[in-house]
Amino acid sequence: MVADPAEFVTVPAAARARNLDPRQLKRAIRRRELRAFDFGGWPRVRLEDVDCWIESSATTSPTPSTPPTLAQRHFLDELAAAVAERVLRELRQEPGG
């Protein structure tokens, strides 16, 4: 199947369309994370491929696989109490004194 050049855009155009820095796309191409095609000496990409690359690069916030141990909970409770005590002490002090 022959690719239709009309469905491809330059790297700068793809970056603008997806609000990215062109260097991000160039790095992804160099790492072979994003497919690029050469039409007339200029690398071009499909926006669909860029979207897939963005999705595959998405990170999620890490979630703990196990609940904290009793020792960790105790430490965090003590830390929170110490911070709260310090904040209250600073709030009670007179301004400028």
N, C-alpha and C. Protein backbone atom coordinates (compact mmCIF):
# COMPACT_ATOMS: atom_id res chain seq x y z
N MET A 1 0.84 -1.17 0.00
CA MET A 1 0.00 0.00 0.00
C MET A 1 0.88 1.24 0.00
N VAL A 2 0.64 2.17 -0.87
CA VAL A 2 1.41 3.40 -0.98
C VAL A 2 0.81 4.44 -0.05
N ALA A 3 1.68 5.08 0.76
CA ALA A 3 1.22 6.10 1.69
C ALA A 3 0.84 7.36 0.93
N ASP A 4 -0.22 7.99 1.37
CA ASP A 4 -0.68 9.25 0.78
C ASP A 4 0.07 10.39 1.45
N PRO A 5 0.92 11.12 0.72
CA PRO A 5 1.69 12.21 1.33
C PRO A 5 0.82 13.28 1.99
N ALA A 6 -0.44 13.38 1.60
CA ALA A 6 -1.32 14.40 2.17
C ALA A 6 -1.62 14.15 3.65
N GLU A 7 -1.49 12.90 4.12
CA GLU A 7 -1.79 12.62 5.52
C GLU A 7 -0.59 12.84 6.43
N PHE A 8 0.53 13.30 5.89
CA PHE A 8 1.75 13.53 6.64
C PHE A 8 2.00 15.02 6.78
N VAL A 9 2.58 15.41 7.92
CA VAL A 9 2.94 16.81 8.14
C VAL A 9 4.40 16.87 8.58
N THR A 10 5.01 18.03 8.44
CA THR A 10 6.39 18.20 8.88
C THR A 10 6.45 18.12 10.40
N VAL A 11 7.62 17.88 10.92
CA VAL A 11 7.79 17.80 12.37
C VAL A 11 7.39 19.12 13.05
N PRO A 12 7.83 20.28 12.53
CA PRO A 12 7.40 21.54 13.16
C PRO A 12 5.88 21.73 13.12
N ALA A 13 5.25 21.33 12.03
CA ALA A 13 3.79 21.47 11.92
C ALA A 13 3.09 20.54 12.92
N ALA A 14 3.60 19.32 13.07
CA ALA A 14 3.02 18.39 14.03
C ALA A 14 3.19 18.92 15.46
N ALA A 15 4.36 19.48 15.73
CA ALA A 15 4.62 20.04 17.07
C ALA A 15 3.64 21.18 17.37
N ARG A 16 3.45 22.06 16.39
CA ARG A 16 2.49 23.16 16.58
C ARG A 16 1.08 22.63 16.79
N ALA A 17 0.70 21.64 16.02
CA ALA A 17 -0.66 21.09 16.10
C ALA A 17 -0.94 20.44 17.45
N ARG A 18 0.11 19.94 18.10
CA ARG A 18 -0.08 19.23 19.38
C ARG A 18 0.54 19.99 20.55
N ASN A 19 0.91 21.25 20.31
CA ASN A 19 1.46 22.11 21.36
C ASN A 19 2.69 21.47 22.02
N LEU A 20 3.61 21.01 21.19
CA LEU A 20 4.85 20.39 21.65
C LEU A 20 6.04 21.16 21.11
N ASP A 21 7.18 20.90 21.68
CA ASP A 21 8.42 21.45 21.15
C ASP A 21 8.89 20.49 20.04
N PRO A 22 9.27 21.00 18.89
CA PRO A 22 9.73 20.11 17.81
C PRO A 22 10.87 19.20 18.24
N ARG A 23 11.69 19.66 19.18
CA ARG A 23 12.81 18.83 19.63
C ARG A 23 12.31 17.55 20.31
N GLN A 24 11.14 17.62 20.96
CA GLN A 24 10.59 16.42 21.58
C GLN A 24 10.28 15.37 20.51
N LEU A 25 9.69 15.82 19.42
CA LEU A 25 9.35 14.88 18.35
C LEU A 25 10.61 14.36 17.67
N LYS A 26 11.59 15.23 17.48
CA LYS A 26 12.84 14.79 16.84
C LYS A 26 13.55 13.74 17.69
N ARG A 27 13.54 13.95 19.02
CA ARG A 27 14.14 12.95 19.92
C ARG A 27 13.39 11.62 19.82
N ALA A 28 12.07 11.70 19.79
CA ALA A 28 11.26 10.48 19.70
C ALA A 28 11.55 9.75 18.39
N ILE A 29 11.74 10.49 17.32
CA ILE A 29 12.07 9.88 16.02
C ILE A 29 13.44 9.22 16.10
N ARG A 30 14.40 9.94 16.68
CA ARG A 30 15.76 9.40 16.80
C ARG A 30 15.77 8.12 17.64
N ARG A 31 14.95 8.07 18.67
CA ARG A 31 14.88 6.89 19.54
C ARG A 31 14.01 5.78 18.96
N ARG A 32 13.43 6.07 17.81
CA ARG A 32 12.53 5.13 17.12
C ARG A 32 11.26 4.87 17.92
N GLU A 33 10.84 5.88 18.70
CA GLU A 33 9.58 5.80 19.42
C GLU A 33 8.44 6.34 18.56
N LEU A 34 8.79 7.13 17.56
CA LEU A 34 7.82 7.75 16.66
C LEU A 34 8.27 7.52 15.24
N ARG A 35 7.36 7.01 14.41
CA ARG A 35 7.70 6.77 13.01
C ARG A 35 7.74 8.07 12.23
N ALA A 36 8.73 8.18 11.37
CA ALA A 36 8.83 9.33 10.48
C ALA A 36 9.11 8.82 9.08
N PHE A 37 8.66 9.58 8.11
CA PHE A 37 8.82 9.21 6.71
C PHE A 37 9.50 10.35 5.98
N ASP A 38 10.32 9.99 5.02
CA ASP A 38 11.10 10.99 4.29
C ASP A 38 10.46 11.26 2.94
N PHE A 39 9.90 12.45 2.81
CA PHE A 39 9.35 12.89 1.53
C PHE A 39 10.16 14.09 1.08
N GLY A 40 11.01 13.90 0.10
CA GLY A 40 11.79 15.02 -0.43
C GLY A 40 12.83 15.56 0.53
N GLY A 41 13.36 14.73 1.40
CA GLY A 41 14.43 15.17 2.28
C GLY A 41 13.97 15.74 3.61
N TRP A 42 12.68 15.89 3.80
CA TRP A 42 12.16 16.43 5.06
C TRP A 42 11.39 15.34 5.79
N PRO A 43 11.75 15.08 7.05
CA PRO A 43 10.99 14.06 7.79
C PRO A 43 9.56 14.54 8.04
N ARG A 44 8.64 13.63 7.85
CA ARG A 44 7.23 13.94 8.09
C ARG A 44 6.63 12.84 8.95
N VAL A 45 5.60 13.21 9.69
CA VAL A 45 4.93 12.26 10.58
C VAL A 45 3.44 12.36 10.37
N ARG A 46 2.75 11.31 10.79
CA ARG A 46 1.29 11.34 10.80
C ARG A 46 0.85 11.84 12.17
N LEU A 47 -0.14 12.73 12.19
CA LEU A 47 -0.64 13.21 13.46
C LEU A 47 -1.21 12.07 14.30
N GLU A 48 -1.77 11.09 13.63
CA GLU A 48 -2.28 9.91 14.33
C GLU A 48 -1.16 9.20 15.09
N ASP A 49 0.02 9.09 14.45
CA ASP A 49 1.17 8.47 15.11
C ASP A 49 1.66 9.33 16.27
N VAL A 50 1.63 10.65 16.11
CA VAL A 50 2.03 11.55 17.19
C VAL A 50 1.10 11.36 18.38
N ASP A 51 -0.20 11.28 18.11
CA ASP A 51 -1.17 11.08 19.18
C ASP A 51 -0.93 9.75 19.91
N CYS A 52 -0.62 8.71 19.17
CA CYS A 52 -0.32 7.41 19.78
C CYS A 52 0.94 7.49 20.63
N TRP A 53 1.95 8.21 20.14
CA TRP A 53 3.19 8.38 20.88
C TRP A 53 2.93 9.14 22.18
N ILE A 54 2.11 10.18 22.11
CA ILE A 54 1.77 10.95 23.31
C ILE A 54 1.09 10.04 24.32
N GLU A 55 0.12 9.26 23.87
CA GLU A 55 -0.59 8.35 24.76
C GLU A 55 0.35 7.32 25.39
N SER A 56 1.27 6.80 24.59
CA SER A 56 2.19 5.78 25.11
C SER A 56 3.21 6.39 26.07
N SER A 57 3.41 7.71 25.98
CA SER A 57 4.37 8.38 26.85
C SER A 57 3.74 8.87 28.14
N ALA A 58 2.43 8.75 28.24
CA ALA A 58 1.73 9.27 29.42
C ALA A 58 2.17 8.53 30.67
N THR A 59 2.33 9.29 31.72
CA THR A 59 2.69 8.69 33.00
C THR A 59 1.55 8.93 33.97
N THR A 60 1.42 8.04 34.88
CA THR A 60 0.41 8.21 35.92
C THR A 60 1.15 8.39 37.24
N SER A 61 0.51 9.03 38.15
CA SER A 61 1.15 9.20 39.45
C SER A 61 1.29 7.83 40.10
N PRO A 62 2.43 7.61 40.71
CA PRO A 62 2.65 6.29 41.31
C PRO A 62 1.69 6.05 42.46
N THR A 63 1.16 4.86 42.50
CA THR A 63 0.30 4.49 43.61
C THR A 63 1.00 3.40 44.39
N PRO A 64 0.94 3.48 45.68
CA PRO A 64 1.64 2.45 46.46
C PRO A 64 1.02 1.08 46.21
N SER A 65 1.87 0.11 46.04
CA SER A 65 1.37 -1.24 45.79
C SER A 65 0.98 -1.92 47.10
N THR A 66 1.58 -1.47 48.20
CA THR A 66 1.23 -2.01 49.51
C THR A 66 0.97 -0.84 50.46
N PRO A 67 0.12 -1.04 51.43
CA PRO A 67 -0.12 0.04 52.39
C PRO A 67 1.13 0.28 53.24
N PRO A 68 1.26 1.48 53.81
CA PRO A 68 2.44 1.75 54.63
C PRO A 68 2.48 0.83 55.85
N THR A 69 3.69 0.54 56.26
CA THR A 69 3.85 -0.31 57.45
C THR A 69 3.46 0.49 58.69
N LEU A 70 3.32 -0.21 59.80
CA LEU A 70 2.99 0.43 61.06
C LEU A 70 4.06 1.46 61.43
N ALA A 71 5.32 1.11 61.22
CA ALA A 71 6.42 2.02 61.53
C ALA A 71 6.36 3.28 60.66
N GLN A 72 6.04 3.11 59.38
CA GLN A 72 5.92 4.26 58.49
C GLN A 72 4.76 5.16 58.91
N ARG A 73 3.64 4.56 59.27
CA ARG A 73 2.48 5.36 59.71
C ARG A 73 2.81 6.11 60.99
N HIS A 74 3.51 5.43 61.91
CA HIS A 74 3.90 6.07 63.16
C HIS A 74 4.82 7.27 62.88
N PHE A 75 5.79 7.07 62.02
CA PHE A 75 6.71 8.15 61.66
C PHE A 75 5.95 9.33 61.07
N LEU A 76 5.04 9.06 60.15
CA LEU A 76 4.28 10.14 59.51
C LEU A 76 3.38 10.85 60.52
N ASP A 77 2.80 10.11 61.45
CA ASP A 77 1.98 10.74 62.49
C ASP A 77 2.82 11.67 63.36
N GLU A 78 4.02 11.20 63.75
CA GLU A 78 4.91 12.03 64.57
C GLU A 78 5.35 13.28 63.80
N LEU A 79 5.66 13.10 62.53
CA LEU A 79 6.08 14.23 61.71
C LEU A 79 4.96 15.26 61.58
N ALA A 80 3.76 14.80 61.33
CA ALA A 80 2.62 15.71 61.21
C ALA A 80 2.37 16.45 62.52
N ALA A 81 2.49 15.76 63.65
CA ALA A 81 2.30 16.41 64.95
C ALA A 81 3.37 17.46 65.20
N ALA A 82 4.61 17.15 64.85
CA ALA A 82 5.70 18.11 65.05
C ALA A 82 5.51 19.35 64.18
N VAL A 83 5.11 19.16 62.95
CA VAL A 83 4.87 20.29 62.05
C VAL A 83 3.71 21.13 62.57
N ALA A 84 2.65 20.49 62.98
CA ALA A 84 1.49 21.23 63.49
C ALA A 84 1.87 22.02 64.74
N GLU A 85 2.65 21.41 65.63
CA GLU A 85 3.08 22.10 66.85
C GLU A 85 3.92 23.33 66.51
N ARG A 86 4.83 23.20 65.58
CA ARG A 86 5.69 24.33 65.19
C ARG A 86 4.87 25.45 64.57
N VAL A 87 3.94 25.10 63.70
CA VAL A 87 3.10 26.12 63.06
C VAL A 87 2.29 26.86 64.10
N LEU A 88 1.69 26.14 65.04
CA LEU A 88 0.90 26.78 66.09
C LEU A 88 1.78 27.69 66.96
N ARG A 89 2.98 27.24 67.29
CA ARG A 89 3.91 28.04 68.09
C ARG A 89 4.25 29.34 67.36
N GLU A 90 4.51 29.25 66.05
CA GLU A 90 4.83 30.45 65.26
C GLU A 90 3.65 31.38 65.14
N LEU A 91 2.46 30.83 65.07
CA LEU A 91 1.25 31.67 64.96
C LEU A 91 0.97 32.42 66.26
N ARG A 92 1.35 31.82 67.39
CA ARG A 92 1.10 32.44 68.69
C ARG A 92 2.07 33.57 68.99
N GLN A 93 3.23 33.57 68.32
CA GLN A 93 4.22 34.60 68.58
C GLN A 93 3.71 35.95 68.13
N GLU A 94 4.12 36.97 68.85
CA GLU A 94 3.74 38.34 68.51
C GLU A 94 4.44 38.74 67.20
N PRO A 95 3.77 39.52 66.34
CA PRO A 95 4.41 40.00 65.11
C PRO A 95 5.62 40.87 65.48
N GLY A 96 6.74 40.59 64.81
CA GLY A 96 7.97 41.37 65.02
C GLY A 96 8.71 40.98 66.29
N GLY A 97 8.30 39.96 66.98
CA GLY A 97 8.98 39.67 68.24
C GLY A 97 9.25 38.26 68.38
